[in-house]
Amino acid sequence: MELIVMNNLAKAIREKGMTQAQFAEKIGIDQSNVSKLCKQKSFTLQRLQEILEALNETDVSKVIRVVEIKK
């Protein structure tokens, strides 16, 4: 069994009607770091909480998705 975390942050930002620059301002980082976050495969719990708060989102599955692959 292998777990893969799929990052849906870019999609979540778009669905909230925000640009990466607007999202960056909400979490206090620059836009280039948001671009990097959108490519990451994992987040710390603290960063995930910041992301959810900035998106005004309570459903973590809208930001990340864990996929189980059975071998």
N, C-alpha and C. Protein backbone atom coordinates (compact mmCIF):
# COMPACT_ATOMS: atom_id res chain seq x y z
N MET A 1 0.85 -1.19 0.00
CA MET A 1 0.00 0.00 0.00
C MET A 1 0.89 1.24 0.00
N GLU A 2 0.53 2.19 -0.84
CA GLU A 2 1.25 3.44 -0.93
C GLU A 2 0.24 4.57 -0.90
N LEU A 3 0.54 5.62 -0.14
CA LEU A 3 -0.34 6.78 -0.07
C LEU A 3 0.29 7.93 -0.85
N ILE A 4 -0.49 8.57 -1.67
CA ILE A 4 -0.02 9.70 -2.44
C ILE A 4 -0.92 10.89 -2.11
N VAL A 5 -0.32 12.02 -1.81
CA VAL A 5 -1.09 13.23 -1.54
C VAL A 5 -1.12 14.06 -2.82
N MET A 6 -2.31 14.33 -3.29
CA MET A 6 -2.49 15.16 -4.47
C MET A 6 -2.86 16.57 -4.01
N ASN A 7 -2.18 17.56 -4.52
CA ASN A 7 -2.40 18.93 -4.13
C ASN A 7 -3.41 19.58 -5.07
N ASN A 8 -4.52 20.05 -4.53
CA ASN A 8 -5.54 20.74 -5.30
C ASN A 8 -5.61 22.22 -4.94
N LEU A 9 -4.53 22.77 -4.41
CA LEU A 9 -4.55 24.15 -3.93
C LEU A 9 -4.83 25.14 -5.05
N ALA A 10 -4.19 25.02 -6.18
CA ALA A 10 -4.40 25.97 -7.28
C ALA A 10 -5.88 25.98 -7.69
N LYS A 11 -6.46 24.81 -7.77
CA LYS A 11 -7.88 24.69 -8.12
C LYS A 11 -8.75 25.35 -7.05
N ALA A 12 -8.43 25.11 -5.78
CA ALA A 12 -9.20 25.68 -4.68
C ALA A 12 -9.14 27.21 -4.70
N ILE A 13 -7.97 27.75 -4.99
CA ILE A 13 -7.81 29.21 -5.07
C ILE A 13 -8.69 29.76 -6.20
N ARG A 14 -8.63 29.13 -7.36
CA ARG A 14 -9.46 29.58 -8.49
C ARG A 14 -10.94 29.49 -8.17
N GLU A 15 -11.35 28.39 -7.54
CA GLU A 15 -12.77 28.21 -7.21
C GLU A 15 -13.28 29.25 -6.22
N LYS A 16 -12.39 29.80 -5.42
CA LYS A 16 -12.78 30.87 -4.48
C LYS A 16 -12.74 32.24 -5.15
N GLY A 17 -12.40 32.27 -6.46
CA GLY A 17 -12.39 33.53 -7.20
C GLY A 17 -11.21 34.42 -6.89
N MET A 18 -10.12 33.82 -6.40
CA MET A 18 -8.93 34.58 -6.04
C MET A 18 -7.81 34.31 -7.03
N THR A 19 -6.91 35.28 -7.14
CA THR A 19 -5.67 35.06 -7.85
C THR A 19 -4.63 34.55 -6.85
N GLN A 20 -3.53 34.03 -7.35
CA GLN A 20 -2.45 33.61 -6.44
C GLN A 20 -1.94 34.80 -5.65
N ALA A 21 -1.88 35.97 -6.26
CA ALA A 21 -1.41 37.17 -5.55
C ALA A 21 -2.34 37.53 -4.40
N GLN A 22 -3.64 37.46 -4.62
CA GLN A 22 -4.61 37.75 -3.56
C GLN A 22 -4.50 36.74 -2.44
N PHE A 23 -4.36 35.47 -2.80
CA PHE A 23 -4.21 34.42 -1.80
C PHE A 23 -2.92 34.63 -1.00
N ALA A 24 -1.85 34.97 -1.70
CA ALA A 24 -0.55 35.21 -1.05
C ALA A 24 -0.67 36.29 0.01
N GLU A 25 -1.39 37.35 -0.31
CA GLU A 25 -1.57 38.45 0.64
C GLU A 25 -2.30 37.97 1.89
N LYS A 26 -3.30 37.10 1.70
CA LYS A 26 -4.08 36.59 2.84
C LYS A 26 -3.24 35.75 3.80
N ILE A 27 -2.26 34.99 3.27
CA ILE A 27 -1.47 34.15 4.17
C ILE A 27 -0.09 34.74 4.48
N GLY A 28 0.19 35.91 3.93
CA GLY A 28 1.40 36.63 4.30
C GLY A 28 2.68 36.13 3.65
N ILE A 29 2.56 35.64 2.41
CA ILE A 29 3.75 35.24 1.66
C ILE A 29 3.66 35.88 0.28
N ASP A 30 4.73 35.78 -0.51
CA ASP A 30 4.64 36.35 -1.85
C ASP A 30 4.11 35.34 -2.86
N GLN A 31 3.70 35.85 -4.00
CA GLN A 31 3.04 35.03 -5.01
C GLN A 31 3.91 33.88 -5.49
N SER A 32 5.21 34.09 -5.58
CA SER A 32 6.09 33.00 -6.05
C SER A 32 6.07 31.82 -5.07
N ASN A 33 5.91 32.11 -3.79
CA ASN A 33 5.81 31.03 -2.81
C ASN A 33 4.47 30.31 -2.90
N VAL A 34 3.41 31.02 -3.28
CA VAL A 34 2.12 30.37 -3.51
C VAL A 34 2.26 29.39 -4.67
N SER A 35 2.95 29.82 -5.71
CA SER A 35 3.17 28.95 -6.86
C SER A 35 3.89 27.67 -6.42
N LYS A 36 4.86 27.80 -5.54
CA LYS A 36 5.58 26.63 -5.01
C LYS A 36 4.65 25.76 -4.17
N LEU A 37 3.82 26.39 -3.34
CA LEU A 37 2.87 25.64 -2.52
C LEU A 37 1.93 24.80 -3.40
N CYS A 38 1.55 25.37 -4.54
CA CYS A 38 0.63 24.68 -5.44
C CYS A 38 1.26 23.43 -6.06
N LYS A 39 2.57 23.32 -5.99
CA LYS A 39 3.27 22.16 -6.56
C LYS A 39 3.73 21.16 -5.49
N GLN A 40 3.63 21.55 -4.23
CA GLN A 40 4.07 20.68 -3.14
C GLN A 40 3.20 19.44 -3.04
N LYS A 41 3.78 18.37 -2.53
CA LYS A 41 3.05 17.13 -2.32
C LYS A 41 2.58 16.97 -0.88
N SER A 42 3.05 17.85 0.02
CA SER A 42 2.61 17.76 1.41
C SER A 42 2.72 19.15 2.06
N PHE A 43 2.00 19.30 3.15
CA PHE A 43 2.01 20.54 3.92
C PHE A 43 2.16 20.19 5.40
N THR A 44 2.71 21.12 6.17
CA THR A 44 2.65 20.95 7.62
C THR A 44 1.20 21.20 8.03
N LEU A 45 0.82 20.72 9.19
CA LEU A 45 -0.55 20.95 9.66
C LEU A 45 -0.80 22.44 9.87
N GLN A 46 0.22 23.16 10.34
CA GLN A 46 0.07 24.60 10.54
C GLN A 46 -0.18 25.30 9.21
N ARG A 47 0.59 24.95 8.18
CA ARG A 47 0.40 25.58 6.86
C ARG A 47 -0.98 25.22 6.29
N LEU A 48 -1.38 23.97 6.47
CA LEU A 48 -2.69 23.55 5.98
C LEU A 48 -3.80 24.35 6.66
N GLN A 49 -3.67 24.58 7.95
CA GLN A 49 -4.66 25.38 8.68
C GLN A 49 -4.68 26.81 8.14
N GLU A 50 -3.51 27.40 7.89
CA GLU A 50 -3.44 28.76 7.33
C GLU A 50 -4.13 28.82 5.96
N ILE A 51 -3.89 27.80 5.15
CA ILE A 51 -4.49 27.73 3.81
C ILE A 51 -6.01 27.66 3.92
N LEU A 52 -6.50 26.77 4.78
CA LEU A 52 -7.94 26.62 4.95
C LEU A 52 -8.59 27.91 5.44
N GLU A 53 -7.94 28.58 6.38
CA GLU A 53 -8.47 29.84 6.90
C GLU A 53 -8.49 30.91 5.82
N ALA A 54 -7.42 31.01 5.03
CA ALA A 54 -7.35 32.02 3.98
C ALA A 54 -8.40 31.78 2.90
N LEU A 55 -8.73 30.51 2.67
CA LEU A 55 -9.75 30.17 1.68
C LEU A 55 -11.16 30.18 2.28
N ASN A 56 -11.23 30.39 3.59
CA ASN A 56 -12.51 30.31 4.31
C ASN A 56 -13.17 28.96 4.02
N GLU A 57 -12.37 27.91 4.18
CA GLU A 57 -12.79 26.56 3.82
C GLU A 57 -12.64 25.64 5.03
N THR A 58 -13.60 24.77 5.24
CA THR A 58 -13.51 23.80 6.33
C THR A 58 -13.28 22.38 5.81
N ASP A 59 -13.45 22.19 4.51
CA ASP A 59 -13.32 20.86 3.90
C ASP A 59 -11.91 20.69 3.35
N VAL A 60 -11.07 19.98 4.08
CA VAL A 60 -9.67 19.79 3.67
C VAL A 60 -9.57 19.07 2.33
N SER A 61 -10.56 18.28 1.98
CA SER A 61 -10.50 17.54 0.72
C SER A 61 -10.58 18.46 -0.50
N LYS A 62 -10.93 19.72 -0.29
CA LYS A 62 -10.92 20.67 -1.40
C LYS A 62 -9.52 21.19 -1.68
N VAL A 63 -8.60 20.96 -0.75
CA VAL A 63 -7.23 21.44 -0.89
C VAL A 63 -6.26 20.30 -1.17
N ILE A 64 -6.42 19.19 -0.45
CA ILE A 64 -5.57 18.03 -0.69
C ILE A 64 -6.43 16.77 -0.79
N ARG A 65 -5.88 15.81 -1.45
CA ARG A 65 -6.57 14.53 -1.60
C ARG A 65 -5.53 13.44 -1.40
N VAL A 66 -5.84 12.48 -0.57
CA VAL A 66 -4.95 11.35 -0.32
C VAL A 66 -5.46 10.16 -1.12
N VAL A 67 -4.57 9.60 -1.91
CA VAL A 67 -4.92 8.48 -2.77
C VAL A 67 -4.15 7.26 -2.30
N GLU A 68 -4.85 6.17 -2.09
CA GLU A 68 -4.22 4.92 -1.67
C GLU A 68 -4.05 4.03 -2.89
N ILE A 69 -2.82 3.59 -3.10
CA ILE A 69 -2.54 2.68 -4.21
C ILE A 69 -2.15 1.34 -3.62
N LYS A 70 -2.87 0.32 -3.96
CA LYS A 70 -2.56 -1.02 -3.47
C LYS A 70 -1.70 -1.73 -4.50
N LYS A 71 -0.63 -2.31 -4.01
CA LYS A 71 0.29 -3.03 -4.91
C LYS A 71 0.22 -4.49 -4.67
